[in-house]
Structures are given as structure tokens and as C-alpha cells.
Protein backbone atom coordinates (compact mmCIF):
# COMPACT_ATOMS: atom_id res chain seq x y z
CA MET A 1 -9.84 19.51 -23.21
CA ILE A 2 -6.73 17.55 -24.19
CA ARG A 3 -4.90 18.92 -21.13
CA GLN A 4 -7.63 17.60 -18.88
CA GLN A 5 -7.37 14.14 -20.40
CA ILE A 6 -3.58 14.12 -20.10
CA MET A 7 -3.89 15.24 -16.49
CA LEU A 8 -6.48 12.50 -15.86
CA VAL A 9 -4.19 9.81 -17.30
CA THR A 10 -1.20 11.15 -15.36
CA MET A 11 -3.12 11.34 -12.10
CA SER A 12 -4.57 7.85 -12.65
CA PHE A 13 -1.11 6.43 -13.30
CA ALA A 14 0.35 8.15 -10.22
CA LEU A 15 -2.60 7.05 -8.10
CA GLY A 16 -2.08 3.46 -9.24
CA MET A 17 1.55 3.54 -8.16
CA THR A 18 0.70 5.27 -4.89
CA VAL A 19 -2.09 2.88 -3.95
CA VAL A 20 0.16 -0.18 -4.36
CA PHE A 21 2.87 1.46 -2.25
CA LEU A 22 0.39 2.39 0.48
CA TYR A 23 -1.17 -1.04 0.44
CA GLU A 24 2.23 -2.62 0.93
CA LEU A 25 2.82 -0.31 3.88
CA LEU A 26 -0.53 -1.45 5.26
CA ILE A 27 0.55 -5.08 4.90
CA ILE A 28 3.75 -4.34 6.80
CA ILE A 29 1.87 -2.51 9.57
CA ARG A 30 -0.55 -5.42 9.88
CA GLU A 31 2.36 -7.84 10.19
CA ILE A 32 3.96 -5.70 12.88
CA LEU A 33 0.75 -5.39 14.87
CA GLY A 34 -0.28 -9.01 14.29
CA PHE A 35 -3.78 -8.32 13.04
CA GLY A 36 -6.20 -11.23 12.98
CA ARG A 37 -8.52 -12.16 10.16
CA VAL A 38 -11.28 -9.72 11.15
CA MET A 39 -8.95 -6.74 11.53
CA ARG A 40 -7.27 -7.54 8.21
CA GLY A 41 -10.67 -7.59 6.55
CA LEU A 42 -11.65 -4.34 8.20
CA THR A 43 -8.41 -2.58 7.24
CA ASP A 44 -8.71 -3.89 3.68
CA PHE A 45 -12.27 -2.62 3.45
CA LEU A 46 -11.35 0.82 4.81
CA PHE A 47 -8.28 1.05 2.58
CA TRP A 48 -10.11 0.18 -0.64
CA GLU A 49 -13.09 2.38 0.26
CA SER A 50 -10.70 5.30 0.81
CA PHE A 51 -9.02 4.54 -2.50
CA ALA A 52 -12.39 4.48 -4.29
CA ILE A 53 -13.36 7.85 -2.78
CA ILE A 54 -10.04 9.42 -3.79
CA LEU A 55 -10.39 7.99 -7.31
CA PHE A 56 -13.93 9.38 -7.54
CA ILE A 57 -12.78 12.84 -6.39
CA ILE A 58 -9.96 12.90 -8.93
CA THR A 59 -12.24 11.74 -11.73
CA TYR A 60 -14.94 14.19 -10.75
CA ARG A 61 -12.63 17.20 -10.48
CA ILE A 62 -10.58 16.57 -13.59
CA ASN A 63 -13.11 14.93 -15.90
CA GLU A 64 -16.50 15.90 -14.46
CA GLY A 65 -17.06 12.34 -13.24
CA ILE A 66 -16.87 10.74 -16.67
CA ILE A 67 -15.04 7.42 -16.50
CA ARG A 68 -12.61 6.92 -19.35
CA GLY A 69 -11.21 3.54 -20.30
CA TYR A 70 -7.72 4.89 -20.83
CA ALA A 71 -7.76 6.42 -17.33
CA VAL A 72 -8.68 3.04 -15.86
CA ALA A 73 -5.95 1.42 -17.97
CA ALA A 74 -3.42 4.02 -16.73
CA LEU A 75 -4.46 3.30 -13.15
CA PHE A 76 -3.89 -0.44 -13.54
CA PHE A 77 -0.68 0.12 -15.53
CA GLY A 78 0.64 2.31 -12.69
CA MET A 79 -0.25 -0.41 -10.18
CA LEU A 80 1.44 -3.12 -12.22
CA LEU A 81 4.49 -1.06 -13.04
CA PHE A 82 5.10 -0.23 -9.40
CA TRP A 83 4.60 -3.83 -8.36
CA TRP A 84 6.91 -5.22 -11.05
CA SER A 85 9.61 -2.60 -10.62
CA VAL A 86 9.72 -1.88 -6.88
CA GLY A 87 6.81 -3.38 -5.03
CA SER A 88 7.67 -7.05 -4.82
CA ARG A 89 11.25 -6.32 -3.74
CA PHE A 90 10.09 -3.65 -1.28
CA LEU A 91 7.71 -6.03 0.45
CA ALA A 92 10.23 -8.88 0.51
CA GLY A 93 12.92 -6.56 1.91
CA ALA A 94 10.58 -5.18 4.55
CA ARG A 95 9.64 -8.70 5.63
CA LYS A 96 13.32 -9.69 5.93
CA LEU A 97 14.01 -6.57 7.96
CA LEU A 98 11.04 -7.27 10.24
CA LYS A 99 12.26 -10.83 10.75
CA LYS A 100 15.72 -9.58 11.76
CA ILE A 101 14.21 -6.99 14.10
CA ARG A 102 11.98 -9.60 15.73
CA ARG A 103 14.93 -11.95 16.16
CA TRP A 104 17.05 -9.17 17.68
CA VAL A 105 14.26 -8.13 20.07
CA THR A 106 13.63 -11.75 21.09
CA ILE A 107 17.32 -12.40 21.76
CA ASN A 108 17.71 -9.23 23.79
CA LEU A 109 14.53 -9.86 25.77
CA GLU A 110 15.84 -13.31 26.67
CA LYS A 111 19.10 -11.74 27.86
CA VAL A 112 17.19 -9.30 30.03
CA ARG A 113 14.98 -12.06 31.44
CA THR A 114 17.94 -14.26 32.35
CA ARG A 115 19.68 -11.37 34.12
CA PHE A 116 16.60 -10.59 36.18
CA LYS A 117 16.08 -14.26 37.11
CA ARG A 118 19.46 -14.44 38.86
């Protein structure tokens, strides 16, 4: 019984960290693809619905579907810990990299356009 609870807390913590990482990847993908308001809403809905299903499956398999407060706390602690330790810097770094890539692509496309105009 104790092993199940420890596993539930561990899985909740890991899921919290994973979900923040995946959500940040989703944000980056949306920035690359230039999603509008409707597509952002749709991707958010699908992402969080998927997360809820995965959380339900983990809770159901490990703890027979019983929701424990400490498992929810571990989930949120995992989310916060990832965000405070890695997440905010990861997202900021990815945005800087995307900005540099966009600038490089724009400059090189302009070079190609001017060569073909001659």
C-alpha cells in the first residue's frame, strides 16, 4: 500500500514536470507556425484534455482512481519546480533562438531575391 502511494506521488511529480516541458514545446511550435487565436485555443484544449486523460489513467492504475491531496500537491510542485528551475530559461532561450533563425532566414531570402531580380 505504501509503495503504491510513493509511486503515485513520484508519477504525479514527474508528470507535473513533463507537462510543463511539453506545454513549452507546444508554445514554441505555435510561435513557429504562427497560430491564430482559434488554433491556439484548440491546441490548448487538446493539450489539457490529453493531460487530464493521462492523469486519470495514472491515478486509476496506481491508486484505483482515488484522488489524493498529496498526489495533486506533488503534481503542482513538479510543475512549479520545472518552471522555476528550467522552464522560464528554456522558453526565453528558445524564443531568442527562433528570433535569430527568423532574422537569418529573412536576410538570406532577401539576398536570394535581389540576385534573381538582376
